[in-house]
Protein backbone atom coordinates (compact mmCIF):
# COMPACT_ATOMS: atom_id res chain seq x y z
CA MET A 1 0.36 28.70 27.76
CA SER A 2 1.16 26.80 30.49
CA ASP A 3 1.49 23.13 29.13
CA THR A 4 4.29 22.20 26.99
CA PRO A 5 2.68 21.58 23.59
CA ASP A 6 2.99 17.83 24.11
CA SER A 7 1.19 17.64 27.03
CA ALA A 8 -1.35 20.18 25.50
CA VAL A 9 -1.64 17.97 22.37
CA ARG A 10 -2.51 15.06 25.04
CA THR A 11 -5.01 17.26 26.82
CA TYR A 12 -6.93 18.43 23.43
CA THR A 13 -7.36 15.25 22.08
CA GLU A 14 -8.79 13.59 25.45
CA GLN A 15 -11.25 16.21 25.19
CA HIS A 16 -12.44 15.68 22.15
CA ARG A 17 -12.13 11.57 22.50
CA ALA A 18 -15.63 10.82 22.36
CA ALA A 19 -16.75 12.78 20.10
CA PHE A 20 -13.97 11.80 17.39
CA LEU A 21 -15.21 8.67 17.97
CA ASP A 22 -18.60 8.60 17.44
CA ASP A 23 -17.48 10.64 14.14
CA LEU A 24 -15.64 7.77 12.98
CA ALA A 25 -18.46 5.28 13.76
CA GLU A 26 -20.85 7.22 11.60
CA TRP A 27 -18.33 7.49 8.86
CA LEU A 28 -18.13 3.58 9.34
CA ARG A 29 -21.36 3.08 8.82
CA ILE A 30 -21.75 4.06 4.96
CA PRO A 31 -20.80 0.78 3.07
CA SER A 32 -18.64 2.29 0.90
CA VAL A 33 -17.47 -0.62 -1.39
CA SER A 34 -15.74 0.57 -4.03
CA ALA A 35 -15.42 -3.51 -5.48
CA GLN A 36 -19.37 -3.49 -5.85
CA PRO A 37 -21.57 -1.53 -8.48
CA GLU A 38 -24.73 -1.71 -5.87
CA HIS A 39 -22.79 0.22 -3.22
CA GLU A 40 -21.54 3.05 -5.85
CA GLY A 41 -24.40 5.26 -3.89
CA ASP A 42 -22.51 4.38 -1.11
CA VAL A 43 -19.12 5.49 -2.02
CA ARG A 44 -20.06 8.81 -3.43
CA ARG A 45 -22.20 9.33 0.19
CA SER A 46 -19.03 8.64 1.95
CA ALA A 47 -17.28 11.54 0.11
CA GLU A 48 -20.19 13.85 0.82
CA TRP A 49 -19.52 12.90 4.20
CA LEU A 50 -16.05 13.70 4.11
CA SER A 51 -15.96 16.66 2.45
CA ALA A 52 -18.98 18.53 4.53
CA LYS A 53 -16.74 17.02 7.84
CA LEU A 54 -13.49 18.47 6.40
CA LYS A 55 -15.52 21.75 6.58
CA GLU A 56 -16.48 21.51 10.12
CA THR A 57 -12.90 20.58 11.07
CA GLY A 58 -12.06 23.84 9.51
CA PHE A 59 -10.40 23.10 6.02
CA PRO A 60 -11.56 26.22 4.31
CA VAL A 61 -11.62 24.17 1.18
CA ALA A 62 -12.84 20.77 1.15
CA GLU A 63 -14.19 19.46 -2.55
CA VAL A 64 -15.35 15.92 -4.14
CA TRP A 65 -13.23 15.66 -7.12
CA GLU A 66 -14.83 13.23 -9.79
CA THR A 67 -13.24 10.27 -11.56
CA ASP A 68 -14.59 7.84 -14.20
CA GLY A 69 -14.84 5.65 -11.33
CA ALA A 70 -15.36 6.64 -7.54
CA PRO A 71 -15.13 10.20 -6.20
CA ALA A 72 -12.30 11.43 -4.34
CA VAL A 73 -12.06 14.06 -1.64
CA PHE A 74 -9.52 16.83 -1.92
CA ALA A 75 -9.22 19.43 1.18
CA GLU A 76 -6.51 22.25 1.99
CA TRP A 77 -5.44 24.62 4.96
CA PRO A 78 -2.93 27.10 3.76
CA SER A 79 -1.09 28.26 6.22
CA ASP A 80 -0.42 32.19 6.78
CA ASP A 81 3.02 31.90 6.81
CA PRO A 82 3.78 31.83 2.56
CA ALA A 83 7.06 30.46 2.95
CA ALA A 84 5.57 27.25 4.74
CA PRO A 85 6.58 24.14 2.77
CA LYS A 86 3.51 22.14 1.54
CA VAL A 87 2.13 18.81 2.35
CA VAL A 88 -0.16 16.32 1.06
CA VAL A 89 -1.84 13.38 3.67
CA TYR A 90 -3.04 10.68 0.85
CA GLY A 91 -5.38 8.17 2.77
CA HIS A 92 -9.24 6.31 0.70
CA HIS A 93 -12.56 6.09 1.68
CA ASP A 94 -13.68 2.94 0.34
CA VAL A 95 -13.09 -0.57 1.93
CA GLN A 96 -13.29 -4.33 1.08
CA PRO A 97 -16.66 -6.18 1.02
CA ALA A 98 -17.92 -7.45 4.31
CA ALA A 99 -21.21 -9.44 5.65
CA ARG A 100 -22.09 -11.04 8.65
CA GLU A 101 -22.05 -14.28 7.27
CA ASP A 102 -18.17 -14.36 6.48
CA GLY A 103 -17.32 -14.87 9.97
CA TRP A 104 -17.86 -11.40 11.67
CA SER A 105 -18.79 -11.46 15.43
CA THR A 106 -21.34 -8.16 15.11
CA GLU A 107 -22.17 -6.37 11.82
CA PRO A 108 -19.68 -5.01 9.89
CA PHE A 109 -21.22 -1.70 9.33
CA GLU A 110 -22.37 -1.04 12.75
CA PRO A 111 -19.37 -0.17 14.19
CA VAL A 112 -18.77 -1.28 18.13
CA ILE A 113 -16.59 -0.97 20.63
CA ARG A 114 -14.83 -3.77 22.69
CA ASP A 115 -11.70 -4.14 25.08
CA GLY A 116 -10.23 -0.97 23.67
CA ARG A 117 -10.76 -1.73 20.05
CA MET A 118 -13.25 -0.52 17.64
CA TYR A 119 -14.49 -3.14 15.11
CA GLY A 120 -15.91 -2.49 12.02
CA ARG A 121 -14.46 -2.39 8.11
CA GLY A 122 -12.33 0.21 7.44
CA ALA A 123 -11.67 1.24 11.07
CA ALA A 124 -7.93 0.65 10.02
CA ASP A 125 -7.91 0.08 6.67
CA ASP A 126 -8.31 2.89 5.77
CA LYS A 127 -11.02 5.51 7.49
CA GLY A 128 -9.67 5.30 10.66
CA GLN A 129 -6.22 6.31 9.68
CA ALA A 130 -6.98 8.88 7.56
CA PHE A 131 -9.55 10.44 10.11
CA PHE A 132 -6.93 10.88 12.87
CA HIS A 133 -5.36 13.88 10.84
CA THR A 134 -8.92 15.78 11.65
CA LEU A 135 -8.30 15.58 15.25
CA GLY A 136 -4.56 15.82 14.96
CA VAL A 137 -4.55 19.12 12.89
CA ARG A 138 -7.24 20.18 15.53
CA ALA A 139 -5.03 19.59 18.77
CA HIS A 140 -1.94 21.43 16.53
CA LEU A 141 -3.23 24.50 16.24
CA ALA A 142 -4.65 24.07 19.84
CA ALA A 143 -1.52 23.35 21.45
CA THR A 144 0.76 26.04 19.44
CA GLY A 145 -1.83 28.85 19.56
CA ARG A 146 -2.17 28.83 16.40
CA THR A 147 -5.01 29.65 13.80
CA THR A 148 -3.02 27.63 10.76
CA PRO A 149 -1.52 25.03 10.19
CA ALA A 150 2.23 24.97 10.41
CA VAL A 151 2.50 23.46 7.25
CA HIS A 152 -0.05 24.59 3.61
CA LEU A 153 -1.65 21.16 4.27
CA LYS A 154 -3.46 19.15 1.81
CA LEU A 155 -5.01 15.72 1.73
CA ILE A 156 -6.65 13.44 -0.90
CA VAL A 157 -8.61 10.54 -0.04
CA GLU A 158 -9.16 8.15 -2.96
CA GLY A 159 -12.55 6.29 -3.46
CA GLU A 160 -11.27 3.39 -5.38
CA GLU A 161 -8.04 2.12 -3.29
CA GLU A 162 -9.89 -1.00 -2.78
CA SER A 163 -10.58 -1.33 -6.83
CA GLY A 164 -6.54 -0.81 -7.76
CA SER A 165 -6.81 2.79 -8.22
CA PRO A 166 -7.54 2.46 -11.69
CA HIS A 167 -8.16 6.08 -12.10
CA PHE A 168 -6.19 8.06 -9.40
CA ARG A 169 -2.68 8.41 -11.37
CA ALA A 170 -5.06 10.23 -13.86
CA LEU A 171 -6.53 12.33 -11.23
CA VAL A 172 -3.26 13.44 -9.63
CA GLU A 173 -2.41 14.25 -13.34
CA GLN A 174 -5.24 16.31 -13.83
CA HIS A 175 -5.18 18.13 -10.29
CA ALA A 176 -1.11 18.21 -9.70
CA ASP A 177 -0.21 22.10 -9.68
CA ARG A 178 -3.07 21.72 -6.63
CA LEU A 179 -1.65 18.94 -5.35
CA ALA A 180 1.85 20.15 -5.60
CA ALA A 181 3.61 19.59 -2.78
CA ASP A 182 7.33 19.49 -0.65
CA ALA A 183 6.61 16.12 0.51
CA VAL A 184 3.27 13.35 0.79
CA ILE A 185 2.52 10.80 4.07
CA VAL A 186 0.55 8.01 2.98
CA SER A 187 -1.99 7.31 6.33
CA ASP A 188 -2.63 3.68 4.64
CA THR A 189 0.02 1.80 6.43
CA GLY A 190 1.04 0.25 9.68
CA MET A 191 2.94 -0.68 12.31
CA TRP A 192 5.96 -3.33 13.51
CA ASN A 193 3.26 -4.58 16.62
CA GLU A 194 1.63 -3.23 19.59
CA THR A 195 4.56 -1.86 21.37
CA THR A 196 7.01 -1.75 18.58
CA PRO A 197 6.12 1.60 16.93
CA THR A 198 8.28 1.89 13.53
CA VAL A 199 7.79 4.41 10.33
CA CYS A 200 7.53 2.50 7.09
CA THR A 201 10.34 4.61 4.34
CA GLY A 202 9.46 2.25 1.18
CA MET A 203 7.05 0.28 -1.00
CA ARG A 204 8.10 -2.13 -3.80
CA GLY A 205 6.64 -1.85 -6.85
CA LEU A 206 5.13 -4.45 -9.06
CA ALA A 207 4.69 -5.64 -12.67
CA GLU A 208 2.70 -8.54 -14.00
CA CYS A 209 2.35 -10.47 -17.15
CA GLU A 210 0.72 -13.69 -18.60
CA ILE A 211 2.87 -15.86 -21.28
CA GLU A 212 0.62 -17.49 -23.57
CA LEU A 213 2.03 -20.34 -25.55
CA LEU A 214 0.35 -21.33 -28.41
CA GLY A 215 0.88 -25.10 -30.58
CA PRO A 216 -1.04 -27.08 -32.66
CA GLU A 217 -4.45 -25.08 -33.47
CA GLN A 218 -6.27 -27.95 -31.29
CA ASP A 219 -5.54 -30.90 -28.50
CA ILE A 220 -3.96 -33.74 -30.53
CA HIS A 221 -3.26 -36.96 -30.08
CA SER A 222 0.02 -37.81 -27.98
CA GLY A 223 0.39 -41.20 -29.39
CA SER A 224 0.21 -39.75 -33.00
CA PHE A 225 2.05 -36.88 -32.63
CA GLY A 226 4.11 -36.86 -29.50
CA GLY A 227 7.90 -36.60 -29.74
CA ALA A 228 7.73 -35.22 -32.96
CA VAL A 229 5.85 -31.59 -32.23
CA PRO A 230 6.53 -28.72 -29.73
CA ASN A 231 4.57 -28.92 -26.41
CA PRO A 232 3.48 -25.78 -24.98
CA ALA A 233 2.75 -26.87 -21.70
CA THR A 234 6.18 -28.28 -21.59
CA GLU A 235 7.89 -24.96 -22.81
CA VAL A 236 5.69 -23.06 -20.43
CA ALA A 237 7.10 -25.35 -17.68
CA ARG A 238 10.66 -24.45 -18.97
CA LEU A 239 10.13 -21.00 -19.15
CA VAL A 240 9.03 -21.49 -15.34
CA ALA A 241 12.08 -23.69 -14.71
CA ALA A 242 14.72 -20.77 -16.19
CA LEU A 243 13.25 -17.82 -14.25
CA HIS A 244 15.76 -18.90 -11.50
CA ASP A 245 18.99 -19.67 -10.98
CA ALA A 246 20.60 -21.68 -7.92
CA ASP A 247 20.83 -18.61 -5.93
CA GLY A 248 17.23 -18.03 -6.21
CA ARG A 249 18.03 -14.76 -8.05
CA VAL A 250 15.70 -13.68 -11.25
CA ALA A 251 17.71 -15.06 -14.08
CA VAL A 252 16.01 -12.60 -16.71
CA PRO A 253 19.17 -10.41 -18.22
CA GLY A 254 18.92 -6.85 -16.95
CA PHE A 255 16.53 -7.62 -14.16
CA TYR A 256 18.61 -5.97 -11.89
CA ASP A 257 19.87 -2.77 -13.91
CA GLY A 258 19.73 -0.21 -10.87
CA VAL A 259 18.56 -1.69 -8.23
CA ALA A 260 19.58 0.14 -5.29
CA GLU A 261 21.33 -1.82 -2.70
CA LEU A 262 20.78 -2.10 0.92
CA THR A 263 23.29 -0.52 2.87
CA ALA A 264 25.40 -1.60 5.77
CA THR A 265 22.97 1.09 8.35
CA GLU A 266 19.59 -0.06 6.33
CA ARG A 267 20.56 -4.08 7.29
CA ALA A 268 21.32 -2.91 10.83
CA LEU A 269 18.04 -1.50 11.15
CA PHE A 270 15.95 -4.59 9.81
CA ALA A 271 17.91 -6.31 12.08
CA GLU A 272 16.92 -4.28 15.15
CA LEU A 273 13.73 -5.77 14.28
CA PRO A 274 11.54 -8.07 17.28
CA PHE A 275 11.42 -10.94 13.95
CA ASP A 276 10.66 -13.96 14.77
CA GLU A 277 11.29 -16.14 11.44
CA ASP A 278 9.07 -19.72 13.34
CA THR A 279 6.20 -17.17 13.60
CA TRP A 280 6.28 -15.71 10.69
CA LEU A 281 6.70 -18.88 9.04
CA ARG A 282 2.99 -19.96 11.12
CA THR A 283 1.50 -16.90 9.56
CA ALA A 284 2.06 -17.62 6.40
CA LYS A 285 1.18 -21.16 6.41
CA ALA A 286 4.39 -22.29 5.19
CA GLY A 287 7.10 -25.17 6.36
CA ALA A 288 10.24 -23.11 5.48
CA ALA A 289 12.04 -19.74 4.04
CA SER A 290 13.09 -19.73 0.69
CA GLY A 291 14.46 -17.09 -1.53
CA GLU A 292 17.84 -14.96 -2.84
CA ALA A 293 20.67 -16.32 -1.19
CA GLY A 294 22.56 -13.59 1.01
CA TYR A 295 19.59 -11.71 2.25
CA SER A 296 17.45 -12.19 5.80
CA THR A 297 14.33 -12.58 5.20
CA LEU A 298 12.72 -9.19 5.99
CA GLU A 299 15.42 -7.63 3.24
CA ARG A 300 14.00 -10.81 0.88
CA ILE A 301 10.27 -9.31 1.20
CA TRP A 302 10.86 -5.38 1.87
CA ALA A 303 14.63 -4.61 0.07
CA ARG A 304 15.14 -7.02 -2.95
CA PRO A 305 13.22 -7.75 -6.02
CA THR A 306 10.94 -11.20 -6.91
CA ALA A 307 9.50 -13.09 -9.67
CA GLU A 308 6.55 -15.28 -8.79
CA VAL A 309 4.59 -17.54 -10.34
CA ASN A 310 1.01 -16.85 -9.85
CA GLY A 311 -1.10 -19.12 -12.13
CA ILE A 312 0.34 -21.69 -14.73
CA GLY A 313 -2.25 -23.96 -16.49
CA GLY A 314 -2.90 -25.41 -19.95
CA GLY A 315 -4.39 -29.34 -21.39
CA TYR A 316 -6.22 -31.65 -19.46
CA GLN A 317 -7.28 -30.76 -15.74
CA GLY A 318 -9.92 -33.02 -15.24
CA ALA A 319 -9.87 -36.66 -13.84
CA GLY A 320 -8.11 -39.64 -14.65
CA SER A 321 -5.99 -39.27 -18.56
CA LYS A 322 -6.30 -37.63 -21.60
CA THR A 323 -3.42 -38.62 -24.10
CA ILE A 324 -2.88 -35.10 -25.88
CA ILE A 325 -0.62 -32.50 -26.83
CA PRO A 326 -2.32 -29.27 -25.66
CA SER A 327 -2.81 -26.59 -28.10
CA SER A 328 -2.33 -23.78 -25.57
CA ALA A 329 -0.43 -23.23 -22.15
CA ARG A 330 -0.36 -19.89 -20.26
CA VAL A 331 1.67 -18.91 -17.37
CA LYS A 332 0.79 -15.49 -15.20
CA ILE A 333 4.02 -14.18 -13.12
CA SER A 334 3.83 -11.04 -10.88
CA PHE A 335 7.54 -9.05 -10.62
CA ARG A 336 7.87 -7.03 -7.20
CA LEU A 337 10.70 -3.74 -7.75
CA VAL A 338 12.34 -1.66 -5.71
CA ALA A 339 14.26 1.32 -6.10
CA GLY A 340 16.23 1.69 -9.34
CA GLN A 341 13.96 -0.25 -11.25
CA ASP A 342 12.38 1.13 -14.17
CA PRO A 343 8.81 -0.96 -14.80
CA ASP A 344 9.36 0.00 -18.97
CA HIS A 345 12.65 -1.69 -18.48
CA VAL A 346 11.78 -4.40 -16.63
CA GLN A 347 9.01 -5.31 -18.63
CA GLN A 348 11.11 -5.35 -22.26
CA ALA A 349 13.63 -7.29 -20.36
CA VAL A 350 11.13 -9.90 -19.44
CA ARG A 351 9.70 -10.09 -22.93
CA ALA A 352 13.15 -10.40 -24.69
CA TRP A 353 14.10 -13.53 -22.65
CA ALA A 354 10.71 -14.99 -22.74
CA GLU A 355 10.73 -14.85 -26.67
CA ALA A 356 14.29 -16.03 -26.86
CA ARG A 357 13.34 -19.43 -25.50
CA ILE A 358 10.14 -20.30 -27.33
CA PRO A 359 11.03 -22.39 -30.02
CA ALA A 360 9.81 -22.43 -33.32
CA GLY A 361 6.28 -23.76 -33.97
CA ILE A 362 5.39 -22.24 -30.85
CA GLY A 363 3.23 -19.18 -31.01
CA HIS A 364 3.21 -16.49 -28.40
CA ARG A 365 1.18 -13.42 -26.28
CA ILE A 366 2.80 -11.64 -23.50
CA THR A 367 0.39 -9.67 -21.87
CA PHE A 368 1.43 -6.79 -19.39
CA LEU A 369 -0.56 -5.16 -17.30
CA PRO A 370 -0.04 -1.37 -16.27
CA ALA A 371 2.85 -1.63 -13.66
CA THR A 372 3.39 0.36 -10.60
CA ARG A 373 6.68 2.21 -9.49
CA PRO A 374 8.28 1.62 -6.49
CA CYS A 375 9.21 4.17 -3.67
CA LEU A 376 12.19 4.37 -1.42
CA THR A 377 12.67 7.59 0.91
CA PRO A 378 16.23 7.78 2.08
CA LEU A 379 16.66 7.21 5.96
CA ASP A 380 18.36 10.66 5.84
CA HIS A 381 15.94 12.45 4.16
CA PRO A 382 14.95 15.36 6.47
CA ALA A 383 11.03 15.21 5.73
CA LEU A 384 11.49 11.17 7.40
CA GLN A 385 13.37 12.54 10.06
CA ALA A 386 10.06 14.51 10.93
CA VAL A 387 7.98 11.86 10.71
CA ALA A 388 10.01 9.75 13.28
CA ARG A 389 10.29 12.77 15.73
CA ALA A 390 6.63 13.26 15.75
CA MET A 391 5.78 9.68 16.24
CA GLY A 392 9.03 9.19 18.86
CA ARG A 393 7.36 12.33 20.78
CA ALA A 394 3.43 10.88 20.32
CA PHE A 395 4.87 7.47 21.54
CA GLY A 396 8.21 8.37 23.91
CA GLN A 397 9.97 5.57 22.64
CA LYS A 398 12.64 4.84 19.67
CA ILE A 399 10.75 4.65 16.57
CA LEU A 400 12.09 2.20 14.15
CA PHE A 401 12.02 2.02 10.24
CA THR A 402 10.59 -0.73 8.24
CA ARG A 403 9.51 -1.06 4.53
CA GLU A 404 6.94 -3.03 2.78
CA GLY A 405 6.60 -5.67 0.28
CA GLY A 406 3.31 -4.87 -0.68
CA SER A 407 2.34 -1.88 -3.64
CA GLY A 408 0.00 1.07 -3.51
CA PRO A 409 -0.57 4.05 -5.48
CA ALA A 410 2.41 6.31 -3.32
CA ALA A 411 4.24 5.54 -6.30
CA ASP A 412 2.08 7.58 -8.26
CA LEU A 413 2.00 10.48 -6.07
CA GLN A 414 5.64 10.58 -5.77
CA ASP A 415 6.35 10.35 -9.89
CA VAL A 416 3.57 13.05 -10.71
CA LEU A 417 4.32 15.48 -7.68
CA GLY A 418 8.27 15.03 -7.36
CA ALA A 419 7.79 14.72 -4.00
CA PRO A 420 9.38 12.33 -1.07
CA VAL A 421 6.62 9.76 0.04
CA LEU A 422 6.65 9.06 3.82
CA PHE A 423 4.09 6.53 5.42
CA LEU A 424 2.40 7.27 8.69
CA GLY A 425 0.62 4.30 10.13
CA ILE A 426 -0.81 3.46 13.58
CA SER A 427 -2.48 -0.44 12.31
CA VAL A 428 -0.86 -3.30 13.42
CA PRO A 429 -1.11 -6.76 11.95
CA SER A 430 -3.94 -8.25 14.43
CA ASP A 431 -6.41 -5.43 12.90
CA GLY A 432 -7.73 -7.70 10.56
CA TRP A 433 -7.31 -5.76 6.93
CA HIS A 434 -10.05 -7.32 4.64
CA ALA A 435 -10.57 -10.09 7.06
CA PRO A 436 -13.74 -10.38 9.22
CA ASP A 437 -13.68 -8.68 12.54
CA GLU A 438 -11.14 -6.18 11.39
CA LYS A 439 -10.35 -3.44 13.91
CA VAL A 440 -8.41 -0.41 15.14
CA GLU A 441 -6.97 -0.29 18.15
CA LEU A 442 -7.95 2.46 20.27
CA GLY A 443 -4.92 3.51 22.19
CA LEU A 444 -2.87 3.62 19.11
CA LEU A 445 -5.42 5.57 16.98
CA PHE A 446 -5.14 8.14 19.51
CA LYS A 447 -1.39 8.15 19.41
CA GLY A 448 -1.50 8.78 15.67
CA VAL A 449 -3.46 11.38 16.62
CA GLU A 450 -0.86 12.94 18.26
CA THR A 451 1.46 11.75 16.00
CA ALA A 452 -0.28 14.07 13.57
CA ALA A 453 -0.48 16.79 15.81
CA HIS A 454 3.51 17.13 16.12
CA LEU A 455 4.21 16.20 12.76
CA TRP A 456 3.24 19.75 10.93
CA GLY A 457 5.48 21.65 13.42
CA GLU A 458 8.45 19.40 12.67
CA MET A 459 7.47 18.91 8.89
CA ALA A 460 7.84 22.84 8.80
CA ALA A 461 10.87 23.32 10.20
CA ALA A 462 12.87 20.28 8.70
CA LEU A 463 11.41 21.83 4.90
CA ARG A 464 12.17 24.75 5.27
């Protein structure tokens, strides 16, 4: 071929730009809102649409996989090289609820293009980012002259991510043999901003609990009994006050067991990012930064475990006064976990810490929700370096590294498949995930296409 692979990728992508956007718009018109029962049929229609489109793209296998909830889509395109590595791409086809009266400028499920952006629910989260792989793999084949990808390529696109992925782990366990992989690519993430392309290297995990303290069998008069019987609201307040030490560290014994500490290299890479704390605080609508002593703001939200009180209540909450000792009080706490922490161990440590602080005369119930494990890919992992090289070729500039403070189903793929998880996303903060006027920057969307086109050759070379 006279073109270099890089220029051939760009040429092919540009030639197929209009058709790709037409297809994406058609998919976005399907209101696949997994959280709303009235859209159950739309979520199924979305899965069926994607399965058919993947077959049209060239995937020899494209199937709708049933769960106890909404369906997922699986597709596979084997390489003609039997020694090629296996790579799974993860995305989701369900979207957040959206209605014009929420503040949208146009109908949320009638995508429009304005000023180089496509507006519509799911444009960035996550249909647009899952869909760029369809054009990316075709550009990969066109640029290299191959008839099959350089890797054994698999896609798993779930239908319940916006509802907490309640059935996803069971689905992965059920089909672990077909999803077997040497690496997992998650395309449900983003970059630092429009001019700073980045690769995410990990996500924190999550453990959540509710602690309910029980006192008298009913609310009782604080004049007749106050000061002589334990008060569950007071004891909840004491638990909350004891949750952190003076340096902002979580004071639960054993909480930090196994925590992977930041290396000097990682801290230096975080410091390279164009982070402005004042701007960040304005976004957070907060007046000051705080947290664990000795760490920067980015280090706190990406690489350190935390405990946050999400809600606290008990007793009288109405106007005026009601002089009682309440019969019960409760607190909801979430713990963000980092690499090296085991959610089961954290839950046991929290339970032991709380129970040791509950005085006689106070009953308790401690309830934990299902936990999400953290995931982290080492900076020197060859698969991560392959993603960074592919992205660098597409963007033509140095790629920086981030982490994300939130959680997602990536850890389930890592746990069940035993494969490293990499993050490839082109969305930016202004895309407005979950908000009115969600959009995707078309220039970045097609950089995602180019990155995906370069990735399979890079991955094939890196994982041999």
